[in-house]
Amino acid sequence: MDQFTSPQIGLALRRLRKKHNLTQKDLANGICSQAEISKIESGTHSPTVELLFLISKKLQVPFSAFFDHANYRESFYQLDDELLKKFRNNEFKEIYEITNLKLQNVYIEEEIALLLQFYNSISAHRLQKTDYRTCIVVLRQLSEKYSSTFYSPSMIIRIKSAIANLYSENKSYKHSRKVYEELIKLDFESNELLLDRIRILYNFSKTLLQLKESHYALNIVQEAIQQSLRFKDMSLLGQLYYQQGLCLESLNYDKEFIKQSYFKANVFFELLNMDEYHQIILKHKSEFL
C-alpha cells in the first residue's frame, strides 16, 4: 500500500484532531489503533493512502487538508518572523498597527489570529496602552487556547516566558518564579526547544537571585551552562557564567571560584563581540579579573 512520508502530515493531523476536540483514542476508534495515531502524529510512522482517507472522513475535512497544512505553516512562520524582527528592533508602534489591521479580517485563521493577539498584547503594553496585569490576563487566555486547541509547544513556551518576564520586570518575583517552575516542567521535544529552555533557565536563575534563593539559582544556572555546552551553543554562555559569578558571590564562595566564572564570562563577551557586556564586567567586576 502507498504511504505518505511528509513530516507535515503528523503536525496537520494533531492540529486537526485537537481542533475537533478529539483524543487519539476517539480518532482511532473504528479506524486503527491509538498507538498508530500517536506514531503518525510524532512523525515516526507514515500513514497509508487508505488510512489517511478514513481519518479525513472521520474528521470531516478534505483529503488535501493534510497537505495544505505545509503551505499554511509556511505562511504562519513568515508572519511570525516578520513580527519577531520588528519586536527585536523595538518597533512596537508598527507591530501594534499591523496586528490591529490584520485582526480586523473576519476570515483570518484562528491560529494566526492568536499569533497576532500575542504580538498585539505585548506591543500595547510596551506602548503603555495597557498595564502589565492586563497584558498577563490576555497572555494567559492565549496560552489556554493554544493548550486546548492547537498543538504548539513553542508558542506555549513563548507566551509563558513572556508572562514570567512581565512579572519579573515589575518585581513580582514570587509570581515570576511560579511561572518559571511551570515552564521547566514542560516537555521540550526538539533541539530548538531545548535551546529555548537554556534562556528560560537563565531568566529563572535571575528571578531566584532576586528572591535571595542563591543555592537554587546556582543550580539552575549550572544546568543551563551544561546544556549550552552539550548543544555547543555559545549564544548565552557569557551571560550564564556572569550569572554564575553573581550566585557564587551571594553565597560567599572562595574568590578564586568567583574569579573563574567572571573570567569565562569575559572570554565569551570578547569572543562574541558583546562590547556592552564586556564593559559592564570591566566596570563592576574588575577586582575578579
C-alpha atoms as a PDB file:
ATOM      1  CA  MET A   1       0.000   0.000   0.000  1.00  0.00           C
ATOM      2  CA  ASP A   2       1.205   3.508  -0.834  1.00  0.00           C
ATOM      3  CA  GLN A   3       2.386   5.612   2.083  1.00  0.00           C
ATOM      4  CA  PHE A   4       2.939   9.320   2.577  1.00  0.00           C
ATOM      5  CA  THR A   5       6.182  10.337   4.210  1.00  0.00           C
ATOM      6  CA  SER A   6       5.736  14.104   4.606  1.00  0.00           C
ATOM      7  CA  PRO A   7       6.633  15.105   8.185  1.00  0.00           C
ATOM      8  CA  GLN A   8       3.945  17.789   7.917  1.00  0.00           C
ATOM      9  CA  ILE A   9       1.171  15.170   7.916  1.00  0.00           C
ATOM     10  CA  GLY A  10       1.706  14.332  11.581  1.00  0.00           C
ATOM     11  CA  LEU A  11       1.563  18.002  12.552  1.00  0.00           C
ATOM     12  CA  ALA A  12      -1.529  18.541  10.429  1.00  0.00           C
ATOM     13  CA  LEU A  13      -3.244  15.505  11.945  1.00  0.00           C
ATOM     14  CA  ARG A  14      -2.554  16.643  15.503  1.00  0.00           C
ATOM     15  CA  ARG A  15      -3.788  20.157  14.752  1.00  0.00           C
ATOM     16  CA  LEU A  16      -6.993  18.947  13.095  1.00  0.00           C
ATOM     17  CA  ARG A  17      -7.686  16.387  15.844  1.00  0.00           C
ATOM     18  CA  LYS A  18      -7.310  18.981  18.582  1.00  0.00           C
ATOM     19  CA  LYS A  19      -9.435  21.440  16.611  1.00  0.00           C
ATOM     20  CA  HIS A  20     -12.226  18.831  16.682  1.00  0.00           C
ATOM     21  CA  ASN A  21     -11.669  18.196  20.431  1.00  0.00           C
ATOM     22  CA  LEU A  22     -10.883  14.508  19.866  1.00  0.00           C
ATOM     23  CA  THR A  23      -8.443  12.373  21.808  1.00  0.00           C
ATOM     24  CA  GLN A  24      -6.168   9.988  19.928  1.00  0.00           C
ATOM     25  CA  LYS A  25      -8.385   7.165  21.187  1.00  0.00           C
ATOM     26  CA  ASP A  26     -11.529   8.890  19.852  1.00  0.00           C
ATOM     27  CA  LEU A  27      -9.979   9.373  16.430  1.00  0.00           C
ATOM     28  CA  ALA A  28      -8.600   5.833  16.246  1.00  0.00           C
ATOM     29  CA  ASN A  29     -11.894   4.173  17.217  1.00  0.00           C
ATOM     30  CA  GLY A  30     -13.100   2.030  14.323  1.00  0.00           C
ATOM     31  CA  ILE A  31     -10.156   3.004  12.105  1.00  0.00           C
ATOM     32  CA  CYS A  32      -6.870   1.833  13.606  1.00  0.00           C
ATOM     33  CA  SER A  33      -5.091   1.585  16.950  1.00  0.00           C
ATOM     34  CA  GLN A  34      -4.442   4.574  19.185  1.00  0.00           C
ATOM     35  CA  ALA A  35      -0.740   3.697  19.012  1.00  0.00           C
ATOM     36  CA  GLU A  36      -0.778   4.150  15.233  1.00  0.00           C
ATOM     37  CA  ILE A  37      -2.341   7.624  15.518  1.00  0.00           C
ATOM     38  CA  SER A  38       0.304   8.500  18.113  1.00  0.00           C
ATOM     39  CA  LYS A  39       3.125   7.325  15.819  1.00  0.00           C
ATOM     40  CA  ILE A  40       1.773   9.298  12.848  1.00  0.00           C
ATOM     41  CA  GLU A  41       1.487  12.482  14.919  1.00  0.00           C
ATOM     42  CA  SER A  42       5.003  12.095  16.306  1.00  0.00           C
ATOM     43  CA  GLY A  43       6.388  11.549  12.786  1.00  0.00           C
ATOM     44  CA  THR A  44       7.709   8.033  13.468  1.00  0.00           C
ATOM     45  CA  HIS A  45       5.146   6.331  11.206  1.00  0.00           C
ATOM     46  CA  SER A  46       3.734   7.218   7.782  1.00  0.00           C
ATOM     47  CA  PRO A  47       0.029   6.617   7.076  1.00  0.00           C
ATOM     48  CA  THR A  48      -1.197   4.681   4.059  1.00  0.00           C
ATOM     49  CA  VAL A  49      -3.436   6.334   1.499  1.00  0.00           C
ATOM     50  CA  GLU A  50      -6.373   4.248   2.718  1.00  0.00           C
ATOM     51  CA  LEU A  51      -5.835   5.194   6.366  1.00  0.00           C
ATOM     52  CA  LEU A  52      -5.498   8.876   5.548  1.00  0.00           C
ATOM     53  CA  PHE A  53      -8.800   8.792   3.646  1.00  0.00           C
ATOM     54  CA  LEU A  54     -10.525   7.158   6.619  1.00  0.00           C
ATOM     55  CA  ILE A  55      -9.084   9.741   9.007  1.00  0.00           C
ATOM     56  CA  SER A  56     -10.089  12.644   6.761  1.00  0.00           C
ATOM     57  CA  LYS A  57     -13.628  11.222   6.551  1.00  0.00           C
ATOM     58  CA  LYS A  58     -13.895  10.966  10.342  1.00  0.00           C
ATOM     59  CA  LEU A  59     -12.543  14.479  10.824  1.00  0.00           C
ATOM     60  CA  GLN A  60     -14.876  15.696   8.046  1.00  0.00           C
ATOM     61  CA  VAL A  61     -12.065  17.515   6.281  1.00  0.00           C
ATOM     62  CA  PRO A  62     -10.899  17.188   2.664  1.00  0.00           C
ATOM     63  CA  PHE A  63      -8.023  14.801   1.989  1.00  0.00           C
ATOM     64  CA  SER A  64      -5.995  17.806   0.814  1.00  0.00           C
ATOM     65  CA  ALA A  65      -6.142  19.358   4.306  1.00  0.00           C
ATOM     66  CA  PHE A  66      -3.151  17.272   5.353  1.00  0.00           C
ATOM     67  CA  PHE A  67      -1.070  18.711   2.511  1.00  0.00           C
ATOM     68  CA  ASP A  68      -2.389  22.278   2.570  1.00  0.00           C
ATOM     69  CA  HIS A  69      -1.026  22.346   6.105  1.00  0.00           C
ATOM     70  CA  ALA A  70       2.534  22.699   4.789  1.00  0.00           C
ATOM     71  CA  ASN A  71       1.654  25.913   2.924  1.00  0.00           C
ATOM     72  CA  TYR A  72      -0.332  27.136   5.911  1.00  0.00           C
ATOM     73  CA  ARG A  73       2.641  26.595   8.251  1.00  0.00           C
ATOM     74  CA  GLU A  74       4.908  28.460   5.845  1.00  0.00           C
ATOM     75  CA  SER A  75       2.578  31.498   5.910  1.00  0.00           C
ATOM     76  CA  PHE A  76       2.382  31.293   9.687  1.00  0.00           C
ATOM     77  CA  TYR A  77       6.171  31.192  10.098  1.00  0.00           C
ATOM     78  CA  GLN A  78       6.695  34.040   7.627  1.00  0.00           C
ATOM     79  CA  LEU A  79       4.316  36.255   9.593  1.00  0.00           C
ATOM     80  CA  ASP A  80       5.944  35.259  12.870  1.00  0.00           C
ATOM     81  CA  ASP A  81       9.429  36.005  11.507  1.00  0.00           C
ATOM     82  CA  GLU A  82       8.309  39.402  10.209  1.00  0.00           C
ATOM     83  CA  LEU A  83       6.803  40.428  13.557  1.00  0.00           C
ATOM     84  CA  LEU A  84       9.638  38.931  15.605  1.00  0.00           C
ATOM     85  CA  LYS A  85      12.236  41.003  13.730  1.00  0.00           C
ATOM     86  CA  LYS A  86      10.257  44.145  14.418  1.00  0.00           C
ATOM     87  CA  PHE A  87       9.854  43.118  18.052  1.00  0.00           C
ATOM     88  CA  ARG A  88      13.613  42.665  18.494  1.00  0.00           C
ATOM     89  CA  ASN A  89      14.118  46.123  16.972  1.00  0.00           C
ATOM     90  CA  ASN A  90      11.604  47.609  19.448  1.00  0.00           C
ATOM     91  CA  GLU A  91       9.278  48.646  16.614  1.00  0.00           C
ATOM     92  CA  PHE A  92       6.255  48.303  18.890  1.00  0.00           C
ATOM     93  CA  LYS A  93       4.159  51.044  17.275  1.00  0.00           C
ATOM     94  CA  GLU A  94       4.441  49.393  13.868  1.00  0.00           C
ATOM     95  CA  ILE A  95       3.658  45.954  15.347  1.00  0.00           C
ATOM     96  CA  TYR A  96       0.605  47.358  17.108  1.00  0.00           C
ATOM     97  CA  GLU A  97      -0.714  48.949  13.914  1.00  0.00           C
ATOM     98  CA  ILE A  98      -0.022  45.893  11.720  1.00  0.00           C
ATOM     99  CA  THR A  99      -1.652  43.448  14.143  1.00  0.00           C
ATOM    100  CA  ASN A 100      -4.695  45.675  14.686  1.00  0.00           C
ATOM    101  CA  LEU A 101      -5.216  45.907  10.934  1.00  0.00           C
ATOM    102  CA  LYS A 102      -4.834  42.168  10.316  1.00  0.00           C
ATOM    103  CA  LEU A 103      -7.115  41.252  13.216  1.00  0.00           C
ATOM    104  CA  GLN A 104      -9.970  43.126  11.501  1.00  0.00           C
ATOM    105  CA  ASN A 105     -10.053  40.423   8.811  1.00  0.00           C
ATOM    106  CA  VAL A 106     -13.105  38.261   9.631  1.00  0.00           C
ATOM    107  CA  TYR A 107     -11.755  35.361   7.538  1.00  0.00           C
ATOM    108  CA  ILE A 108      -8.473  35.066   9.388  1.00  0.00           C
ATOM    109  CA  GLU A 109      -7.333  31.579  10.522  1.00  0.00           C
ATOM    110  CA  GLU A 110      -7.776  31.114  14.267  1.00  0.00           C
ATOM    111  CA  GLU A 111      -4.151  30.151  14.928  1.00  0.00           C
ATOM    112  CA  ILE A 112      -2.883  33.177  13.008  1.00  0.00           C
ATOM    113  CA  ALA A 113      -5.321  35.354  14.968  1.00  0.00           C
ATOM    114  CA  LEU A 114      -3.829  34.011  18.210  1.00  0.00           C
ATOM    115  CA  LEU A 115      -0.335  34.836  16.993  1.00  0.00           C
ATOM    116  CA  LEU A 116      -1.417  38.377  16.118  1.00  0.00           C
ATOM    117  CA  GLN A 117      -3.104  38.769  19.508  1.00  0.00           C
ATOM    118  CA  PHE A 118       0.147  37.719  21.201  1.00  0.00           C
ATOM    119  CA  TYR A 119       2.168  40.419  19.451  1.00  0.00           C
ATOM    120  CA  ASN A 120      -0.657  42.933  19.805  1.00  0.00           C
ATOM    121  CA  SER A 121      -0.898  42.496  23.578  1.00  0.00           C
ATOM    122  CA  ILE A 122       2.853  42.756  24.110  1.00  0.00           C
ATOM    123  CA  SER A 123       3.212  45.817  21.868  1.00  0.00           C
ATOM    124  CA  ALA A 124       0.211  47.509  23.532  1.00  0.00           C
ATOM    125  CA  HIS A 125       1.908  47.080  26.893  1.00  0.00           C
ATOM    126  CA  ARG A 126       5.254  48.362  25.605  1.00  0.00           C
ATOM    127  CA  LEU A 127       3.447  51.418  24.233  1.00  0.00           C
ATOM    128  CA  GLN A 128       1.837  51.891  27.674  1.00  0.00           C
ATOM    129  CA  LYS A 129      -1.653  51.388  26.272  1.00  0.00           C
ATOM    130  CA  THR A 130      -2.269  48.625  28.848  1.00  0.00           C
ATOM    131  CA  ASP A 131      -0.716  47.825  32.212  1.00  0.00           C
ATOM    132  CA  TYR A 132       1.281  44.652  32.774  1.00  0.00           C
ATOM    133  CA  ARG A 133      -1.529  42.897  34.669  1.00  0.00           C
ATOM    134  CA  THR A 134      -3.954  43.348  31.777  1.00  0.00           C
ATOM    135  CA  CYS A 135      -1.305  42.077  29.377  1.00  0.00           C
ATOM    136  CA  ILE A 136      -0.782  38.988  31.544  1.00  0.00           C
ATOM    137  CA  VAL A 137      -4.524  38.242  31.600  1.00  0.00           C
ATOM    138  CA  VAL A 138      -4.594  38.299  27.783  1.00  0.00           C
ATOM    139  CA  LEU A 139      -1.471  36.141  27.549  1.00  0.00           C
ATOM    140  CA  ARG A 140      -2.894  33.567  29.962  1.00  0.00           C
ATOM    141  CA  GLN A 141      -6.047  33.322  27.837  1.00  0.00           C
ATOM    142  CA  LEU A 142      -3.897  32.794  24.739  1.00  0.00           C
ATOM    143  CA  SER A 143      -1.849  30.118  26.493  1.00  0.00           C
ATOM    144  CA  GLU A 144      -5.008  28.224  27.482  1.00  0.00           C
ATOM    145  CA  LYS A 145      -6.310  28.471  23.919  1.00  0.00           C
ATOM    146  CA  TYR A 146      -3.071  27.082  22.471  1.00  0.00           C
ATOM    147  CA  SER A 147      -3.075  24.275  25.036  1.00  0.00           C
ATOM    148  CA  SER A 148      -6.677  23.248  24.352  1.00  0.00           C
ATOM    149  CA  THR A 149      -6.979  23.818  20.600  1.00  0.00           C
ATOM    150  CA  PHE A 150      -3.575  23.817  18.917  1.00  0.00           C
ATOM    151  CA  TYR A 151      -0.528  21.676  19.383  1.00  0.00           C
ATOM    152  CA  SER A 152       2.152  24.358  19.575  1.00  0.00           C
ATOM    153  CA  PRO A 153       4.634  23.839  22.418  1.00  0.00           C
ATOM    154  CA  SER A 154       6.883  26.590  21.072  1.00  0.00           C
ATOM    155  CA  MET A 155       4.084  29.179  21.337  1.00  0.00           C
ATOM    156  CA  ILE A 156       3.032  27.974  24.796  1.00  0.00           C
ATOM    157  CA  ILE A 157       6.652  28.297  25.939  1.00  0.00           C
ATOM    158  CA  ARG A 158       6.937  31.742  24.372  1.00  0.00           C
ATOM    159  CA  ILE A 159       3.716  33.004  25.952  1.00  0.00           C
ATOM    160  CA  LYS A 160       4.520  31.656  29.421  1.00  0.00           C
ATOM    161  CA  SER A 161       8.041  33.095  29.171  1.00  0.00           C
ATOM    162  CA  ALA A 162       6.550  36.498  28.355  1.00  0.00           C
ATOM    163  CA  ILE A 163       4.295  36.234  31.416  1.00  0.00           C
ATOM    164  CA  ALA A 164       7.219  35.298  33.675  1.00  0.00           C
ATOM    165  CA  ASN A 165       9.304  38.173  32.296  1.00  0.00           C
ATOM    166  CA  LEU A 166       6.481  40.673  32.834  1.00  0.00           C
ATOM    167  CA  TYR A 167       6.148  39.609  36.451  1.00  0.00           C
ATOM    168  CA  SER A 168       9.912  39.873  36.933  1.00  0.00           C
ATOM    169  CA  GLU A 169      10.147  43.298  35.255  1.00  0.00           C
ATOM    170  CA  ASN A 170       7.509  44.537  37.676  1.00  0.00           C
ATOM    171  CA  LYS A 171       9.220  42.977  40.724  1.00  0.00           C
ATOM    172  CA  SER A 172       6.515  40.345  41.269  1.00  0.00           C
ATOM    173  CA  TYR A 173       9.259  37.777  41.694  1.00  0.00           C
ATOM    174  CA  LYS A 174       7.159  35.168  43.515  1.00  0.00           C
ATOM    175  CA  HIS A 175       4.636  35.093  40.670  1.00  0.00           C
ATOM    176  CA  SER A 176       7.506  35.001  38.176  1.00  0.00           C
ATOM    177  CA  ARG A 177       9.063  32.043  39.975  1.00  0.00           C
ATOM    178  CA  LYS A 178       5.789  30.108  39.838  1.00  0.00           C
ATOM    179  CA  VAL A 179       5.520  30.556  36.068  1.00  0.00           C
ATOM    180  CA  TYR A 180       9.168  29.584  35.513  1.00  0.00           C
ATOM    181  CA  GLU A 181       8.617  26.407  37.526  1.00  0.00           C
ATOM    182  CA  GLU A 182       5.648  25.595  35.269  1.00  0.00           C
ATOM    183  CA  LEU A 183       7.852  26.226  32.243  1.00  0.00           C
ATOM    184  CA  ILE A 184      10.742  23.944  33.197  1.00  0.00           C
ATOM    185  CA  LYS A 185       8.286  21.079  33.745  1.00  0.00           C
ATOM    186  CA  LEU A 186       7.076  21.265  30.131  1.00  0.00           C
ATOM    187  CA  ASP A 187       8.225  18.723  27.556  1.00  0.00           C
ATOM    188  CA  PHE A 188      10.910  20.158  25.279  1.00  0.00           C
ATOM    189  CA  GLU A 189      10.593  17.818  22.314  1.00  0.00           C
ATOM    190  CA  SER A 190      13.153  19.202  19.878  1.00  0.00           C
ATOM    191  CA  ASN A 191      16.673  20.605  19.983  1.00  0.00           C
ATOM    192  CA  GLU A 192      15.281  24.015  19.068  1.00  0.00           C
ATOM    193  CA  LEU A 193      13.001  23.973  22.119  1.00  0.00           C
ATOM    194  CA  LEU A 194      15.820  22.678  24.304  1.00  0.00           C
ATOM    195  CA  LEU A 195      17.798  25.776  23.344  1.00  0.00           C
ATOM    196  CA  ASP A 196      14.784  27.867  24.397  1.00  0.00           C
ATOM    197  CA  ARG A 197      14.979  26.073  27.738  1.00  0.00           C
ATOM    198  CA  ILE A 198      18.507  27.446  28.271  1.00  0.00           C
ATOM    199  CA  ARG A 199      17.186  31.014  28.098  1.00  0.00           C
ATOM    200  CA  ILE A 200      14.331  30.106  30.427  1.00  0.00           C
ATOM    201  CA  LEU A 201      16.784  28.665  32.969  1.00  0.00           C
ATOM    202  CA  TYR A 202      18.921  31.796  32.722  1.00  0.00           C
ATOM    203  CA  ASN A 203      15.982  34.117  33.394  1.00  0.00           C
ATOM    204  CA  PHE A 204      14.687  31.820  36.130  1.00  0.00           C
ATOM    205  CA  SER A 205      18.063  31.990  37.876  1.00  0.00           C
ATOM    206  CA  LYS A 206      17.929  35.800  37.811  1.00  0.00           C
ATOM    207  CA  THR A 207      14.472  35.742  39.399  1.00  0.00           C
ATOM    208  CA  LEU A 208      15.627  33.318  42.105  1.00  0.00           C
ATOM    209  CA  LEU A 209      18.588  35.546  42.917  1.00  0.00           C
ATOM    210  CA  GLN A 210      16.185  38.455  43.416  1.00  0.00           C
ATOM    211  CA  LEU A 211      14.300  36.240  45.876  1.00  0.00           C
ATOM    212  CA  LYS A 212      17.600  35.560  47.720  1.00  0.00           C
ATOM    213  CA  GLU A 213      17.364  31.859  46.824  1.00  0.00           C
ATOM    214  CA  SER A 214      21.013  31.728  45.832  1.00  0.00           C
ATOM    215  CA  HIS A 215      21.603  27.969  46.062  1.00  0.00           C
ATOM    216  CA  TYR A 216      18.592  27.240  43.857  1.00  0.00           C
ATOM    217  CA  ALA A 217      19.668  29.995  41.447  1.00  0.00           C
ATOM    218  CA  LEU A 218      23.166  28.499  41.232  1.00  0.00           C
ATOM    219  CA  ASN A 219      21.812  25.007  40.481  1.00  0.00           C
ATOM    220  CA  ILE A 220      19.558  26.375  37.746  1.00  0.00           C
ATOM    221  CA  VAL A 221      22.286  28.399  36.034  1.00  0.00           C
ATOM    222  CA  GLN A 222      24.711  25.465  36.198  1.00  0.00           C
ATOM    223  CA  GLU A 223      22.131  23.281  34.464  1.00  0.00           C
ATOM    224  CA  ALA A 224      21.842  25.952  31.755  1.00  0.00           C
ATOM    225  CA  ILE A 225      25.634  26.033  31.326  1.00  0.00           C
ATOM    226  CA  GLN A 226      25.762  22.240  30.977  1.00  0.00           C
ATOM    227  CA  GLN A 227      23.032  22.285  28.338  1.00  0.00           C
ATOM    228  CA  SER A 228      24.765  25.083  26.424  1.00  0.00           C
ATOM    229  CA  LEU A 229      27.993  23.072  26.363  1.00  0.00           C
ATOM    230  CA  ARG A 230      26.126  19.917  25.407  1.00  0.00           C
ATOM    231  CA  PHE A 231      24.466  21.584  22.425  1.00  0.00           C
ATOM    232  CA  LYS A 232      27.592  23.609  21.584  1.00  0.00           C
ATOM    233  CA  ASP A 233      25.557  26.805  21.807  1.00  0.00           C
ATOM    234  CA  MET A 234      27.637  29.817  22.835  1.00  0.00           C
ATOM    235  CA  SER A 235      24.980  32.499  22.457  1.00  0.00           C
ATOM    236  CA  LEU A 236      24.255  32.803  26.189  1.00  0.00           C
ATOM    237  CA  LEU A 237      27.387  31.333  27.749  1.00  0.00           C
ATOM    238  CA  GLY A 238      28.834  34.724  28.646  1.00  0.00           C
ATOM    239  CA  GLN A 239      25.677  35.798  30.456  1.00  0.00           C
ATOM    240  CA  LEU A 240      25.386  32.385  32.111  1.00  0.00           C
ATOM    241  CA  TYR A 241      28.918  32.460  33.504  1.00  0.00           C
ATOM    242  CA  TYR A 242      28.329  36.031  34.680  1.00  0.00           C
ATOM    243  CA  GLN A 243      25.135  34.891  36.405  1.00  0.00           C
ATOM    244  CA  GLN A 244      27.065  32.008  37.952  1.00  0.00           C
ATOM    245  CA  GLY A 245      29.568  34.511  39.331  1.00  0.00           C
ATOM    246  CA  LEU A 246      26.755  36.561  40.893  1.00  0.00           C
ATOM    247  CA  CYS A 247      25.354  33.423  42.545  1.00  0.00           C
ATOM    248  CA  LEU A 248      28.773  32.427  43.893  1.00  0.00           C
ATOM    249  CA  GLU A 249      29.322  35.929  45.250  1.00  0.00           C
ATOM    250  CA  SER A 250      25.985  35.918  47.054  1.00  0.00           C
ATOM    251  CA  LEU A 251      26.912  32.566  48.625  1.00  0.00           C
ATOM    252  CA  ASN A 252      30.346  33.870  49.720  1.00  0.00           C
ATOM    253  CA  TYR A 253      32.285  31.274  47.740  1.00  0.00           C
ATOM    254  CA  ASP A 254      36.055  31.382  47.601  1.00  0.00           C
ATOM    255  CA  LYS A 255      37.214  34.322  45.494  1.00  0.00           C
ATOM    256  CA  GLU A 256      39.096  32.008  43.122  1.00  0.00           C
ATOM    257  CA  PHE A 257      35.861  30.221  42.103  1.00  0.00           C
ATOM    258  CA  ILE A 258      34.122  33.544  41.546  1.00  0.00           C
ATOM    259  CA  LYS A 259      37.077  34.781  39.511  1.00  0.00           C
ATOM    260  CA  GLN A 260      36.874  31.737  37.199  1.00  0.00           C
ATOM    261  CA  SER A 261      33.197  32.445  36.417  1.00  0.00           C
ATOM    262  CA  TYR A 262      33.753  36.114  35.587  1.00  0.00           C
ATOM    263  CA  PHE A 263      36.894  35.295  33.597  1.00  0.00           C
ATOM    264  CA  LYS A 264      34.951  32.777  31.451  1.00  0.00           C
ATOM    265  CA  ALA A 265      32.114  35.280  31.046  1.00  0.00           C
ATOM    266  CA  ASN A 266      34.529  37.926  29.813  1.00  0.00           C
ATOM    267  CA  VAL A 267      36.141  35.494  27.359  1.00  0.00           C
ATOM    268  CA  PHE A 268      32.773  34.843  25.712  1.00  0.00           C
ATOM    269  CA  PHE A 269      31.826  38.529  25.729  1.00  0.00           C
ATOM    270  CA  GLU A 270      35.037  39.325  23.854  1.00  0.00           C
ATOM    271  CA  LEU A 271      34.742  36.302  21.559  1.00  0.00           C
ATOM    272  CA  LEU A 272      31.189  37.214  20.528  1.00  0.00           C
ATOM    273  CA  ASN A 273      31.937  40.968  20.309  1.00  0.00           C
ATOM    274  CA  MET A 274      29.452  41.733  23.088  1.00  0.00           C
ATOM    275  CA  ASP A 275      31.094  45.017  23.970  1.00  0.00           C
ATOM    276  CA  GLU A 276      28.263  46.271  26.188  1.00  0.00           C
ATOM    277  CA  TYR A 277      28.573  43.218  28.451  1.00  0.00           C
ATOM    278  CA  HIS A 278      32.367  43.409  28.302  1.00  0.00           C
ATOM    279  CA  GLN A 279      32.229  46.985  29.611  1.00  0.00           C
ATOM    280  CA  ILE A 280      29.828  46.004  32.394  1.00  0.00           C
ATOM    281  CA  ILE A 281      32.126  43.289  33.654  1.00  0.00           C
ATOM    282  CA  LEU A 282      35.141  45.606  33.498  1.00  0.00           C
ATOM    283  CA  LYS A 283      33.267  48.306  35.413  1.00  0.00           C
ATOM    284  CA  HIS A 284      31.624  46.187  38.103  1.00  0.00           C
ATOM    285  CA  LYS A 285      33.777  43.069  38.452  1.00  0.00           C
ATOM    286  CA  SER A 286      37.302  44.251  37.672  1.00  0.00           C
ATOM    287  CA  GLU A 287      38.513  43.062  41.092  1.00  0.00           C
ATOM    288  CA  PHE A 288      37.946  39.483  39.957  1.00  0.00           C
ATOM    289  CA  LEU A 289      39.676  39.790  36.587  1.00  0.00           C
END
